[in-house]
N, C-alpha and C. Protein backbone atom coordinates (compact mmCIF):
# COMPACT_ATOMS: atom_id res chain seq x y z
N MET A 1 124.69 100.95 103.08
CA MET A 1 123.40 100.55 103.33
C MET A 1 123.21 99.14 102.67
N ARG A 2 122.51 98.08 103.57
CA ARG A 2 122.34 96.83 103.12
C ARG A 2 121.31 96.83 101.95
N ARG A 3 121.31 95.59 101.19
CA ARG A 3 120.63 95.61 99.96
C ARG A 3 119.15 95.68 100.38
N ILE A 4 118.34 96.47 99.46
CA ILE A 4 116.91 96.47 99.57
C ILE A 4 116.25 95.82 98.46
N VAL A 5 115.36 95.01 98.82
CA VAL A 5 114.57 94.25 97.75
C VAL A 5 113.32 95.06 97.31
N GLU A 6 113.25 95.30 96.10
CA GLU A 6 112.05 96.12 95.55
C GLU A 6 110.79 95.07 95.44
N SER A 7 109.64 95.51 96.23
CA SER A 7 108.58 94.68 96.35
C SER A 7 107.35 95.81 96.15
N PRO A 8 107.08 96.28 94.96
CA PRO A 8 106.41 97.49 94.99
C PRO A 8 104.87 97.11 95.24
N SER A 9 104.22 98.07 96.02
CA SER A 9 102.80 97.90 96.26
C SER A 9 102.04 99.04 95.49
N PRO A 10 100.89 98.73 95.09
CA PRO A 10 100.11 99.73 94.37
C PRO A 10 99.42 100.72 95.39
N ASN A 11 99.56 100.46 96.67
CA ASN A 11 98.63 101.27 97.55
C ASN A 11 99.42 102.42 98.09
N HIS A 12 99.25 103.49 97.31
CA HIS A 12 99.84 104.78 97.66
C HIS A 12 99.29 105.89 96.83
N ASP A 13 99.43 107.18 97.30
CA ASP A 13 98.96 108.20 96.41
C ASP A 13 99.91 109.44 96.64
N GLN A 14 99.45 110.64 96.15
CA GLN A 14 100.26 111.71 96.26
C GLN A 14 100.35 112.44 97.74
N ARG A 15 101.56 112.77 98.18
CA ARG A 15 101.49 113.47 99.50
C ARG A 15 100.94 114.86 99.35
N PRO A 16 100.38 115.35 100.56
CA PRO A 16 99.92 116.75 100.55
C PRO A 16 101.10 117.76 100.23
N ALA A 17 100.70 118.77 99.50
CA ALA A 17 101.65 119.75 99.09
C ALA A 17 102.08 120.62 100.40
N GLY A 18 103.31 120.96 100.32
CA GLY A 18 103.86 121.96 101.38
C GLY A 18 103.99 121.59 102.78
N LYS A 19 104.04 120.20 102.90
CA LYS A 19 104.32 119.53 104.32
C LYS A 19 105.42 118.60 104.34
N ALA A 20 106.19 118.93 105.38
CA ALA A 20 107.50 118.09 105.50
C ALA A 20 107.14 116.67 105.94
N ILE A 21 108.05 115.70 105.62
CA ILE A 21 107.81 114.42 106.26
C ILE A 21 108.64 114.44 107.53
N ASP A 22 107.89 114.50 108.72
CA ASP A 22 108.51 114.61 109.95
C ASP A 22 108.10 113.67 110.93
N ILE A 23 107.66 112.50 110.67
CA ILE A 23 107.15 111.38 111.55
C ILE A 23 107.78 110.10 110.91
N LEU A 24 108.45 109.21 111.80
CA LEU A 24 108.78 107.96 111.43
C LEU A 24 108.03 107.07 112.24
N LEU A 25 107.10 106.16 111.55
CA LEU A 25 106.16 105.42 112.35
C LEU A 25 106.32 103.94 112.17
N LEU A 26 106.48 103.32 113.24
CA LEU A 26 106.78 101.83 113.34
C LEU A 26 105.57 101.00 113.68
N HIS A 27 105.53 99.88 113.04
CA HIS A 27 104.42 98.96 113.15
C HIS A 27 104.95 97.53 113.26
N TYR A 28 104.11 96.59 113.81
CA TYR A 28 104.33 95.29 113.48
C TYR A 28 103.37 94.64 112.53
N THR A 29 103.62 93.58 111.83
CA THR A 29 102.62 93.16 110.86
C THR A 29 101.46 92.46 111.39
N GLY A 30 101.62 91.78 112.42
CA GLY A 30 100.52 91.01 113.25
C GLY A 30 99.95 90.01 112.27
N MET A 31 100.72 89.40 111.58
CA MET A 31 100.28 88.21 110.67
C MET A 31 101.00 87.05 111.00
N ARG A 32 100.51 85.85 110.44
CA ARG A 32 101.16 84.58 110.75
C ARG A 32 102.67 84.44 110.27
N ASP A 33 103.00 84.96 109.13
CA ASP A 33 104.28 84.96 108.60
C ASP A 33 104.67 86.17 107.61
N ALA A 34 105.79 86.21 107.24
CA ALA A 34 106.33 87.28 106.46
C ALA A 34 105.57 87.43 105.16
N GLU A 35 105.44 86.19 104.53
CA GLU A 35 104.88 86.18 103.15
C GLU A 35 103.42 86.71 103.21
N ALA A 36 102.73 86.22 104.13
CA ALA A 36 101.30 86.71 104.29
C ALA A 36 101.29 88.27 104.44
N ALA A 37 102.20 88.82 105.21
CA ALA A 37 102.25 90.24 105.36
C ALA A 37 102.63 90.88 104.11
N ARG A 38 103.54 90.35 103.40
CA ARG A 38 104.04 90.95 102.24
C ARG A 38 102.88 91.01 101.06
N GLN A 39 102.13 89.91 101.12
CA GLN A 39 101.00 89.80 100.12
C GLN A 39 99.95 90.87 100.40
N ARG A 40 99.68 90.88 101.77
CA ARG A 40 98.61 91.87 102.10
C ARG A 40 99.02 93.45 101.84
N LEU A 41 100.26 93.68 102.12
CA LEU A 41 100.79 95.03 101.86
C LEU A 41 100.81 95.33 100.46
N ARG A 42 100.73 94.32 99.54
CA ARG A 42 100.74 94.59 98.13
C ARG A 42 99.45 94.34 97.33
N ASP A 43 98.42 93.97 98.17
CA ASP A 43 97.26 93.65 97.65
C ASP A 43 96.37 94.87 97.44
N PRO A 44 95.98 95.19 96.22
CA PRO A 44 95.17 96.42 95.89
C PRO A 44 93.75 96.34 96.69
N ALA A 45 93.28 95.21 96.83
CA ALA A 45 91.97 95.11 97.58
C ALA A 45 92.10 95.54 98.98
N ALA A 46 93.19 95.25 99.64
CA ALA A 46 93.53 95.61 101.04
C ALA A 46 93.48 97.09 101.32
N LYS A 47 94.15 97.77 100.38
CA LYS A 47 94.21 99.26 100.59
C LYS A 47 95.19 99.55 101.79
N VAL A 48 96.10 98.80 102.00
CA VAL A 48 97.07 99.17 103.08
C VAL A 48 98.58 98.88 102.48
N SER A 49 99.40 99.73 102.94
CA SER A 49 100.80 99.51 102.55
C SER A 49 101.74 100.26 103.63
N SER A 50 102.91 100.13 103.47
CA SER A 50 103.92 100.87 104.20
C SER A 50 105.02 101.19 103.22
N HIS A 51 106.04 102.01 103.59
CA HIS A 51 107.18 102.31 102.82
C HIS A 51 108.09 101.09 102.76
N TYR A 52 108.28 100.57 103.81
CA TYR A 52 109.31 99.37 103.95
C TYR A 52 108.64 98.35 104.95
N LEU A 53 109.13 97.04 104.55
CA LEU A 53 108.86 96.00 105.42
C LEU A 53 110.18 95.25 105.72
N ILE A 54 110.39 94.96 107.02
CA ILE A 54 111.71 94.34 107.54
C ILE A 54 111.35 92.97 108.17
N ASP A 55 112.01 91.88 107.42
CA ASP A 55 111.84 90.54 107.78
C ASP A 55 112.62 90.35 109.18
N GLU A 56 112.40 89.27 109.84
CA GLU A 56 112.93 88.87 110.95
C GLU A 56 114.48 88.59 110.86
N ASP A 57 114.87 88.12 109.55
CA ASP A 57 116.30 88.03 109.36
C ASP A 57 117.05 89.22 108.79
N GLY A 58 116.30 90.29 108.75
CA GLY A 58 116.95 91.76 108.45
C GLY A 58 116.78 91.96 107.04
N LEU A 59 116.00 91.25 106.19
CA LEU A 59 115.73 91.68 104.70
C LEU A 59 114.82 92.72 104.65
N ILE A 60 115.21 93.75 103.91
CA ILE A 60 114.39 94.96 103.78
C ILE A 60 113.63 94.94 102.45
N HIS A 61 112.46 95.02 102.54
CA HIS A 61 111.55 95.17 101.26
C HIS A 61 111.12 96.62 101.18
N ARG A 62 111.28 97.25 99.98
CA ARG A 62 110.78 98.64 99.64
C ARG A 62 109.40 98.40 98.94
N LEU A 63 108.38 98.94 99.62
CA LEU A 63 107.10 98.70 99.07
C LEU A 63 106.53 100.05 98.23
N VAL A 64 106.91 101.18 98.89
CA VAL A 64 106.41 102.40 98.38
C VAL A 64 107.59 103.49 98.45
N GLU A 65 107.81 104.12 97.40
CA GLU A 65 108.82 105.27 97.47
C GLU A 65 108.46 106.24 98.53
N GLU A 66 109.51 106.77 99.21
CA GLU A 66 109.35 107.76 100.22
C GLU A 66 108.51 109.06 99.81
N SER A 67 108.70 109.32 98.51
CA SER A 67 108.06 110.53 98.11
C SER A 67 106.38 110.42 97.97
N ARG A 68 106.06 109.13 98.05
CA ARG A 68 104.58 109.01 98.02
C ARG A 68 104.02 108.72 99.50
N ARG A 69 102.63 108.88 99.43
CA ARG A 69 102.00 108.61 100.79
C ARG A 69 101.47 107.18 100.73
N ALA A 70 102.18 106.37 101.57
CA ALA A 70 101.73 104.94 101.87
C ALA A 70 100.64 104.99 102.81
N TRP A 71 99.81 103.91 102.72
CA TRP A 71 98.56 103.89 103.71
C TRP A 71 98.81 102.84 104.86
N HIS A 72 99.35 103.48 105.83
CA HIS A 72 99.80 102.54 106.90
C HIS A 72 99.21 103.05 108.29
N ALA A 73 98.95 104.23 108.41
CA ALA A 73 98.41 104.86 109.81
C ALA A 73 96.90 104.63 110.07
N GLY A 74 96.14 104.70 108.95
CA GLY A 74 94.68 104.72 109.18
C GLY A 74 94.27 105.98 109.90
N VAL A 75 93.16 105.73 110.57
CA VAL A 75 92.51 106.86 111.46
C VAL A 75 93.60 107.08 112.57
N SER A 76 94.12 108.32 112.58
CA SER A 76 95.24 108.59 113.65
C SER A 76 95.28 110.07 113.79
N TYR A 77 96.13 110.42 114.80
CA TYR A 77 96.37 111.80 115.17
C TYR A 77 97.57 112.01 116.02
N TRP A 78 98.33 113.12 115.61
CA TRP A 78 99.49 113.58 116.37
C TRP A 78 99.78 114.89 116.38
N ALA A 79 99.75 115.60 117.47
CA ALA A 79 100.08 116.95 117.79
C ALA A 79 99.32 117.81 116.74
N GLY A 80 98.01 117.58 116.57
CA GLY A 80 97.19 118.45 115.71
C GLY A 80 97.05 118.00 114.33
N GLU A 81 97.72 117.03 113.83
CA GLU A 81 97.67 116.43 112.56
C GLU A 81 96.83 115.19 112.53
N ARG A 82 95.91 115.05 111.59
CA ARG A 82 95.27 113.75 111.41
C ARG A 82 95.61 113.08 110.18
N ASP A 83 96.40 113.70 109.14
CA ASP A 83 96.83 112.88 107.98
C ASP A 83 98.18 112.51 108.25
N ILE A 84 98.25 111.47 109.14
CA ILE A 84 99.57 111.05 109.62
C ILE A 84 100.31 110.28 108.31
N ASN A 85 99.55 109.81 107.52
CA ASN A 85 100.06 109.19 106.34
C ASN A 85 100.90 110.04 105.50
N GLY A 86 100.17 111.30 105.32
CA GLY A 86 100.80 112.34 104.56
C GLY A 86 102.23 112.95 104.92
N ILE A 87 102.49 112.77 106.27
CA ILE A 87 103.66 113.31 106.91
C ILE A 87 104.73 112.42 107.47
N SER A 88 104.50 111.02 107.09
CA SER A 88 105.33 110.05 107.82
C SER A 88 105.90 109.06 106.85
N ILE A 89 106.88 108.43 107.26
CA ILE A 89 107.59 107.17 106.65
C ILE A 89 107.10 105.99 107.48
N GLY A 90 106.44 105.05 106.87
CA GLY A 90 105.85 103.70 107.66
C GLY A 90 106.88 102.60 107.46
N ILE A 91 107.24 102.05 108.59
CA ILE A 91 108.07 100.83 108.45
C ILE A 91 107.22 99.67 109.22
N GLU A 92 107.08 98.57 108.53
CA GLU A 92 106.36 97.46 109.19
C GLU A 92 107.54 96.35 109.44
N LEU A 93 107.51 95.92 110.68
CA LEU A 93 108.33 94.89 111.25
C LEU A 93 107.73 93.59 111.33
N VAL A 94 108.18 92.56 110.65
CA VAL A 94 107.61 91.22 110.67
C VAL A 94 107.61 90.72 112.01
N ASN A 95 106.35 90.48 112.59
CA ASN A 95 106.22 89.95 114.02
C ASN A 95 104.78 89.43 114.03
N PRO A 96 104.40 88.14 114.52
CA PRO A 96 103.13 87.71 114.45
C PRO A 96 102.20 88.50 115.26
N GLY A 97 102.77 89.29 116.20
CA GLY A 97 101.79 90.18 117.06
C GLY A 97 101.03 89.42 118.15
N HIS A 98 100.17 90.15 118.87
CA HIS A 98 99.54 89.56 120.01
C HIS A 98 98.44 88.54 119.61
N ASP A 99 98.02 88.48 118.28
CA ASP A 99 97.09 87.47 117.98
C ASP A 99 97.60 86.19 117.52
N PHE A 100 98.83 86.10 117.17
CA PHE A 100 99.64 84.96 116.61
C PHE A 100 100.82 84.57 117.27
N GLY A 101 101.07 84.99 118.53
CA GLY A 101 102.26 84.53 119.12
C GLY A 101 103.23 85.63 119.41
N TYR A 102 102.99 86.82 119.89
CA TYR A 102 103.90 87.99 119.98
C TYR A 102 105.26 87.60 120.48
N ARG A 103 106.37 87.90 119.96
CA ARG A 103 107.62 87.57 120.44
C ARG A 103 108.59 88.82 120.29
N ALA A 104 109.69 88.63 121.00
CA ALA A 104 110.71 89.78 120.86
C ALA A 104 111.24 89.98 119.33
N PHE A 105 111.48 91.13 119.05
CA PHE A 105 112.01 91.48 117.71
C PHE A 105 113.38 90.92 117.69
N GLN A 106 113.63 90.39 116.46
CA GLN A 106 115.09 89.76 116.36
C GLN A 106 116.17 90.69 116.14
N GLN A 107 117.43 90.26 116.50
CA GLN A 107 118.52 91.19 116.44
C GLN A 107 118.85 91.63 115.00
N PRO A 108 118.85 90.65 114.11
CA PRO A 108 119.17 91.06 112.59
C PRO A 108 118.04 92.09 112.16
N GLN A 109 116.86 91.97 112.70
CA GLN A 109 115.74 92.80 112.25
C GLN A 109 115.92 94.25 112.90
N MET A 110 116.36 94.20 114.16
CA MET A 110 116.66 95.60 114.74
C MET A 110 117.84 96.15 114.11
N ALA A 111 118.85 95.48 113.81
CA ALA A 111 120.07 96.09 113.18
C ALA A 111 119.59 96.65 111.77
N ALA A 112 118.87 95.87 111.00
CA ALA A 112 118.37 96.52 109.80
C ALA A 112 117.50 97.86 109.90
N LEU A 113 116.73 97.77 110.98
CA LEU A 113 115.83 98.92 111.35
C LEU A 113 116.72 100.12 111.53
N ILE A 114 117.74 99.93 112.44
CA ILE A 114 118.72 100.96 112.80
C ILE A 114 119.31 101.41 111.53
N GLU A 115 119.77 100.60 110.71
CA GLU A 115 120.61 101.15 109.53
C GLU A 115 119.65 102.06 108.68
N LEU A 116 118.48 101.41 108.47
CA LEU A 116 117.57 102.05 107.59
C LEU A 116 116.99 103.32 108.16
N GLY A 117 116.77 103.20 109.44
CA GLY A 117 116.20 104.51 110.21
C GLY A 117 117.27 105.78 110.24
N ARG A 118 118.53 105.33 110.19
CA ARG A 118 119.51 106.40 110.11
C ARG A 118 119.50 107.02 108.73
N GLU A 119 119.27 106.17 107.78
CA GLU A 119 119.19 106.67 106.35
C GLU A 119 118.12 107.73 106.24
N ILE A 120 116.92 107.12 106.70
CA ILE A 120 115.73 108.05 106.42
C ILE A 120 115.90 109.34 107.43
N LEU A 121 116.37 109.35 108.58
CA LEU A 121 116.68 110.53 109.25
C LEU A 121 117.55 111.47 108.51
N GLY A 122 118.60 110.88 107.70
CA GLY A 122 119.39 111.74 106.96
C GLY A 122 118.70 112.38 105.73
N ARG A 123 117.61 111.89 105.46
CA ARG A 123 116.86 112.39 104.20
C ARG A 123 115.66 113.34 104.66
N HIS A 124 115.30 113.27 105.90
CA HIS A 124 114.00 113.96 106.22
C HIS A 124 114.19 114.55 107.59
N PRO A 125 113.58 115.66 107.89
CA PRO A 125 113.78 116.42 109.14
C PRO A 125 112.88 115.89 110.29
N ILE A 126 113.02 114.76 110.68
CA ILE A 126 112.28 113.96 111.76
C ILE A 126 112.89 114.30 113.09
N PRO A 127 112.18 114.95 114.06
CA PRO A 127 112.88 115.09 115.33
C PRO A 127 112.73 113.78 116.06
N ALA A 128 113.56 113.64 117.08
CA ALA A 128 113.50 112.57 117.85
C ALA A 128 112.24 112.17 118.57
N SER A 129 111.49 113.24 118.90
CA SER A 129 110.14 113.05 119.62
C SER A 129 109.12 112.53 118.71
N ARG A 130 109.41 112.58 117.43
CA ARG A 130 108.35 112.17 116.44
C ARG A 130 108.77 110.70 115.76
N VAL A 131 109.57 110.09 116.40
CA VAL A 131 109.74 108.67 116.08
C VAL A 131 108.85 107.93 116.94
N LEU A 132 107.75 107.41 116.41
CA LEU A 132 106.55 106.90 117.18
C LEU A 132 106.21 105.47 116.69
N GLY A 133 105.26 104.78 117.60
CA GLY A 133 104.62 103.71 117.26
C GLY A 133 103.25 103.78 116.68
N HIS A 134 102.67 102.80 116.13
CA HIS A 134 101.34 102.83 115.57
C HIS A 134 100.37 103.09 116.92
N SER A 135 100.65 102.62 117.87
CA SER A 135 99.82 102.72 119.14
C SER A 135 99.81 104.08 119.59
N ASP A 136 100.93 104.94 119.32
CA ASP A 136 101.06 106.30 119.74
C ASP A 136 99.96 107.10 119.05
N VAL A 137 99.94 106.98 117.79
CA VAL A 137 98.93 107.82 116.89
C VAL A 137 97.48 107.31 116.82
N ALA A 138 97.38 105.96 117.23
CA ALA A 138 95.98 105.56 117.20
C ALA A 138 95.85 104.66 118.49
N PRO A 139 95.84 105.26 119.66
CA PRO A 139 95.71 104.38 120.83
C PRO A 139 94.44 103.67 120.98
N SER A 140 93.27 104.15 120.38
CA SER A 140 92.11 103.53 120.69
C SER A 140 91.96 102.25 119.87
N ARG A 141 92.88 102.13 118.85
CA ARG A 141 92.72 101.06 117.80
C ARG A 141 93.99 100.02 117.86
N LYS A 142 95.11 100.53 118.16
CA LYS A 142 96.31 99.83 117.77
C LYS A 142 97.26 99.65 119.12
N ILE A 143 97.97 98.56 119.10
CA ILE A 143 98.91 98.33 120.14
C ILE A 143 100.45 98.01 119.72
N ASP A 144 100.57 98.16 118.46
CA ASP A 144 101.76 97.76 117.83
C ASP A 144 102.78 99.04 117.87
N PRO A 145 104.06 98.77 117.77
CA PRO A 145 104.82 97.48 117.77
C PRO A 145 104.81 96.86 119.30
N GLY A 146 104.20 97.46 120.14
CA GLY A 146 103.87 96.60 121.51
C GLY A 146 105.19 96.67 122.47
N GLU A 147 104.86 96.01 123.57
CA GLU A 147 105.77 96.20 124.72
C GLU A 147 107.10 95.50 124.55
N LEU A 148 107.14 94.58 123.63
CA LEU A 148 108.45 93.88 123.44
C LEU A 148 109.41 94.66 122.43
N PHE A 149 108.95 95.75 121.89
CA PHE A 149 109.89 96.60 120.99
C PHE A 149 110.78 97.26 121.81
N ASP A 150 112.12 97.15 121.48
CA ASP A 150 113.13 97.86 122.31
C ASP A 150 113.39 99.33 121.81
N TRP A 151 112.48 100.19 122.32
CA TRP A 151 112.61 101.50 122.03
C TRP A 151 113.82 102.14 122.56
N HIS A 152 114.27 101.65 123.73
CA HIS A 152 115.52 102.19 124.33
C HIS A 152 116.69 102.04 123.42
N ALA A 153 116.91 100.92 123.03
CA ALA A 153 117.97 100.49 122.13
C ALA A 153 117.89 101.25 120.85
N LEU A 154 116.81 101.60 120.31
CA LEU A 154 116.63 102.37 119.18
C LEU A 154 117.06 103.84 119.36
N ALA A 155 116.64 104.35 120.55
CA ALA A 155 117.05 105.61 120.95
C ALA A 155 118.61 105.71 121.21
N GLU A 156 119.28 104.68 121.81
CA GLU A 156 120.55 104.70 121.92
C GLU A 156 121.32 104.63 120.63
N ALA A 157 120.76 104.17 119.54
CA ALA A 157 121.39 104.12 118.27
C ALA A 157 121.09 105.54 117.51
N GLY A 158 120.39 106.49 118.15
CA GLY A 158 120.16 107.82 117.54
C GLY A 158 118.95 107.93 116.87
N ILE A 159 117.92 107.01 117.07
CA ILE A 159 116.65 107.07 116.48
C ILE A 159 115.53 107.15 117.45
N GLY A 160 114.95 108.30 117.75
CA GLY A 160 113.98 108.50 118.65
C GLY A 160 114.68 108.96 120.03
N LEU A 161 113.77 109.09 121.02
CA LEU A 161 114.28 109.64 122.33
C LEU A 161 113.96 108.65 123.43
N TRP A 162 114.73 108.75 124.46
CA TRP A 162 114.47 108.00 125.65
C TRP A 162 114.63 108.93 126.85
N PRO A 163 113.59 109.14 127.58
CA PRO A 163 113.66 110.24 128.67
C PRO A 163 114.20 109.69 130.01
N ALA A 164 114.96 110.63 130.72
CA ALA A 164 115.17 110.46 132.06
C ALA A 164 113.99 110.99 132.87
N PRO A 165 113.63 110.27 133.87
CA PRO A 165 112.43 110.88 134.78
C PRO A 165 112.71 112.19 135.21
N ALA A 166 111.60 113.04 135.20
CA ALA A 166 111.77 114.48 135.71
C ALA A 166 110.79 114.74 136.69
N PRO A 167 110.99 115.75 137.48
CA PRO A 167 109.89 116.09 138.33
C PRO A 167 108.82 116.95 137.71
N GLY A 168 107.50 116.80 138.25
CA GLY A 168 106.43 117.53 137.69
C GLY A 168 105.31 117.14 138.38
N PRO A 169 104.13 117.95 138.20
CA PRO A 169 102.87 117.58 138.86
C PRO A 169 102.38 116.20 138.48
N VAL A 170 101.53 115.60 139.40
CA VAL A 170 101.17 114.32 139.19
C VAL A 170 99.65 114.22 139.06
N ASP A 171 99.01 115.52 139.36
CA ASP A 171 97.49 115.47 139.32
C ASP A 171 97.10 115.04 137.80
N LEU A 172 95.98 114.49 137.66
CA LEU A 172 95.51 113.92 136.39
C LEU A 172 95.42 115.09 135.36
N ALA A 173 94.94 116.27 135.52
CA ALA A 173 94.68 117.31 134.75
C ALA A 173 96.22 117.74 134.14
N SER A 174 97.18 117.81 134.96
CA SER A 174 98.62 118.22 134.62
C SER A 174 99.10 116.97 133.69
N VAL A 175 98.78 115.81 134.11
CA VAL A 175 99.36 114.73 133.23
C VAL A 175 98.70 114.71 131.88
N GLN A 176 97.44 115.07 131.83
CA GLN A 176 96.73 115.25 130.54
C GLN A 176 97.32 116.27 129.65
N ARG A 177 97.62 117.35 130.32
CA ARG A 177 98.35 118.51 129.70
C ARG A 177 99.63 118.01 129.01
N ALA A 178 100.36 117.31 129.77
CA ALA A 178 101.62 116.79 129.26
C ALA A 178 101.48 115.78 128.14
N LEU A 179 100.47 114.99 128.25
CA LEU A 179 100.20 114.08 127.23
C LEU A 179 99.80 114.69 125.86
N ALA A 180 99.03 115.76 126.09
CA ALA A 180 98.69 116.61 124.86
C ALA A 180 99.89 117.31 124.34
N ARG A 181 100.67 117.89 125.18
CA ARG A 181 102.04 118.50 124.74
C ARG A 181 102.90 117.57 124.00
N TYR A 182 102.95 116.44 124.33
CA TYR A 182 103.73 115.40 123.53
C TYR A 182 103.17 115.12 122.23
N GLY A 183 101.84 115.01 122.25
CA GLY A 183 101.17 114.75 120.88
C GLY A 183 99.78 114.12 120.87
N TYR A 184 99.47 113.29 122.02
CA TYR A 184 98.35 112.58 122.15
C TYR A 184 96.96 113.44 122.15
N GLU A 185 95.95 112.96 121.59
CA GLU A 185 94.74 113.83 121.60
C GLU A 185 93.95 113.42 122.80
N VAL A 186 94.27 114.34 123.93
CA VAL A 186 93.75 114.28 125.17
C VAL A 186 93.42 115.75 125.66
N GLU A 187 92.29 115.69 126.40
CA GLU A 187 91.78 117.06 126.91
C GLU A 187 91.98 117.06 128.41
N PRO A 188 92.38 118.21 129.07
CA PRO A 188 92.72 118.17 130.43
C PRO A 188 91.53 118.44 131.29
N SER A 189 90.70 117.25 131.27
CA SER A 189 89.45 117.33 132.03
C SER A 189 89.55 117.06 133.46
N GLY A 190 90.70 116.40 133.89
CA GLY A 190 90.84 115.92 135.23
C GLY A 190 90.12 114.55 135.47
N GLU A 191 89.55 114.01 134.55
CA GLU A 191 88.87 112.77 134.66
C GLU A 191 89.59 111.64 133.72
N LEU A 192 89.71 110.47 134.35
CA LEU A 192 90.32 109.34 133.54
C LEU A 192 89.32 108.86 132.44
N ASP A 193 89.32 109.56 131.28
CA ASP A 193 88.33 109.08 130.50
C ASP A 193 89.03 108.03 129.38
N ALA A 194 88.33 107.61 128.44
CA ALA A 194 88.85 106.55 127.70
C ALA A 194 90.13 107.03 126.91
N ALA A 195 89.94 108.37 126.38
CA ALA A 195 91.12 108.88 125.55
C ALA A 195 92.35 108.96 126.41
N THR A 196 92.16 109.37 127.61
CA THR A 196 93.37 109.49 128.47
C THR A 196 93.93 108.09 128.91
N SER A 197 92.99 107.15 129.33
CA SER A 197 93.62 105.87 129.56
C SER A 197 94.27 105.18 128.35
N GLY A 198 93.61 105.44 127.17
CA GLY A 198 94.28 104.85 125.98
C GLY A 198 95.73 105.50 125.74
N ALA A 199 95.75 106.82 125.91
CA ALA A 199 97.01 107.48 125.64
C ALA A 199 98.11 107.05 126.62
N LEU A 200 97.66 106.91 127.86
CA LEU A 200 98.60 106.43 128.97
C LEU A 200 99.08 105.07 128.74
N GLN A 201 98.24 104.15 128.23
CA GLN A 201 98.57 102.86 127.86
C GLN A 201 99.60 102.93 126.68
N ALA A 202 99.33 103.65 125.80
CA ALA A 202 100.30 103.77 124.52
C ALA A 202 101.67 104.40 125.07
N PHE A 203 101.67 105.26 125.95
CA PHE A 203 102.92 105.84 126.52
C PHE A 203 103.56 104.84 127.15
N GLN A 204 102.97 104.04 128.12
CA GLN A 204 103.52 103.07 128.82
C GLN A 204 104.16 101.96 127.88
N ARG A 205 103.49 101.63 126.92
CA ARG A 205 104.01 100.64 125.94
C ARG A 205 105.37 101.02 125.42
N HIS A 206 105.43 102.32 125.20
CA HIS A 206 106.52 102.95 124.62
C HIS A 206 107.74 103.07 125.57
N PHE A 207 107.38 103.68 126.76
CA PHE A 207 108.36 104.06 127.63
C PHE A 207 108.34 103.36 128.92
N ARG A 208 107.38 102.58 129.32
CA ARG A 208 107.36 102.04 130.67
C ARG A 208 106.60 100.61 130.52
N PRO A 209 107.13 99.66 129.68
CA PRO A 209 106.34 98.49 129.34
C PRO A 209 106.27 97.52 130.48
N ALA A 210 106.87 97.77 131.62
CA ALA A 210 106.76 96.78 132.72
C ALA A 210 105.33 96.69 133.35
N LEU A 211 104.58 97.80 133.25
CA LEU A 211 103.37 97.86 133.83
C LEU A 211 102.49 98.79 132.79
N ILE A 212 101.43 98.14 132.05
CA ILE A 212 100.58 98.93 131.18
C ILE A 212 99.20 98.87 131.71
N ASP A 213 98.87 99.83 132.44
CA ASP A 213 97.53 99.78 133.14
C ASP A 213 96.77 101.14 132.78
N GLY A 214 97.20 101.97 132.05
CA GLY A 214 96.46 103.25 131.68
C GLY A 214 96.22 104.09 132.75
N ARG A 215 97.10 104.13 133.86
CA ARG A 215 96.98 105.00 135.01
C ARG A 215 98.14 105.91 135.12
N ALA A 216 97.85 107.02 135.61
CA ALA A 216 98.97 107.94 135.76
C ALA A 216 99.73 107.99 137.18
N ASP A 217 100.39 106.78 137.39
CA ASP A 217 101.29 106.68 138.58
C ASP A 217 102.37 107.57 138.52
N ALA A 218 103.11 107.64 139.67
CA ALA A 218 104.33 108.48 139.80
C ALA A 218 105.43 108.18 138.73
N ASP A 219 105.58 106.86 138.44
CA ASP A 219 106.73 106.63 137.51
C ASP A 219 106.30 107.00 136.08
N THR A 220 105.14 106.78 135.68
CA THR A 220 104.62 107.25 134.33
C THR A 220 104.77 108.71 134.30
N ALA A 221 104.26 109.36 135.24
CA ALA A 221 104.18 110.91 135.23
C ALA A 221 105.59 111.32 135.06
N ALA A 222 106.56 110.99 135.82
CA ALA A 222 107.92 111.32 135.84
C ALA A 222 108.59 111.09 134.42
N LEU A 223 108.23 110.01 133.87
CA LEU A 223 108.85 109.66 132.52
C LEU A 223 108.16 110.62 131.53
N LEU A 224 106.83 110.87 131.66
CA LEU A 224 106.10 111.80 130.70
C LEU A 224 106.74 113.21 130.91
N HIS A 225 106.88 113.63 131.99
CA HIS A 225 107.50 115.09 132.22
C HIS A 225 108.94 115.05 131.71
N GLY A 226 109.73 113.94 131.67
CA GLY A 226 111.04 113.83 131.02
C GLY A 226 110.92 113.95 129.59
N VAL A 227 109.86 113.35 128.99
CA VAL A 227 109.71 113.49 127.49
C VAL A 227 109.43 114.88 127.14
N VAL A 228 108.50 115.54 127.95
CA VAL A 228 108.06 117.01 127.59
C VAL A 228 109.31 117.80 127.66
N GLN A 229 110.14 117.63 128.64
CA GLN A 229 111.46 118.46 128.86
C GLN A 229 112.26 118.33 127.64
N ARG A 230 112.22 117.17 126.87
CA ARG A 230 113.12 117.00 125.78
C ARG A 230 112.44 117.72 124.47
N LEU A 231 111.29 118.18 124.65
CA LEU A 231 110.64 118.77 123.52
C LEU A 231 111.11 120.17 123.21
N GLY A 232 111.54 120.82 124.26
CA GLY A 232 112.19 122.21 124.20
C GLY A 232 111.15 123.25 124.30
C-alpha cells in the first residue's frame, strides 16, 4: 500500500451501533485546488469531511479513521437508508469540478484510488453494487464525481460493477421500479417527476455519460436492467 499522509479532521462522530460499513462513496472536491479542499475538509466551522482525500498526483490523505462517521454525504438516501454517512467510507478526489474547470481524473489519482479501494473492500463487506457516487445518493443536490469519472475502469479493477445491457420493459413505471430496486428514492408513478428525472440523470452519469438527459430511453433502460440483474 502506498504511503498515506495523516491529515486529521475534527469533523466526525460515532457510527451507529449494529450497522455494517457497506457503501464506498466517491466525490470530487469541486474547489479551485487541493489545498483549499484539504483546508475545508479539516475546518471545524465547515462541518464536512471524508475519510480520505486523493490528490491528482496520487497522494492520499487520511482525514478520518474508518471506524468513525465522516460527514461527507449530507442529506442522502440509498436503498432505504438515510444515514449514508453512518454506513459508508467517503473518498474525495481532488478535481475543480463543474464550477472551476471540470477535467478528467488523472492516471496517478485513479491508480491510488484503485489501490486504496481494494484495501477498503478487503476490510469491509461492500458489494459491487454499493460502490457509488455522491450524485447517486443525492441526485437532487449533487452531480459529482461526474460524467468524466471512469467508473468502467474502476469496475475492471474489481471495484464496483459495470453492467452489460439486458432486456426488460421500457415503460416508465417499470423503469422507476428498477431504479428503486437499485437504490434510488423513486416511486413507480408512471410520471416523469423530478425525483425520477434526477435519478435517471445520476444513473446516466454513472453508466451512460454520453447523454445525460434524465429520460428513460432504450439504452438507459437496458443498462438499468443489466444493473438490476447483477443485484441477484
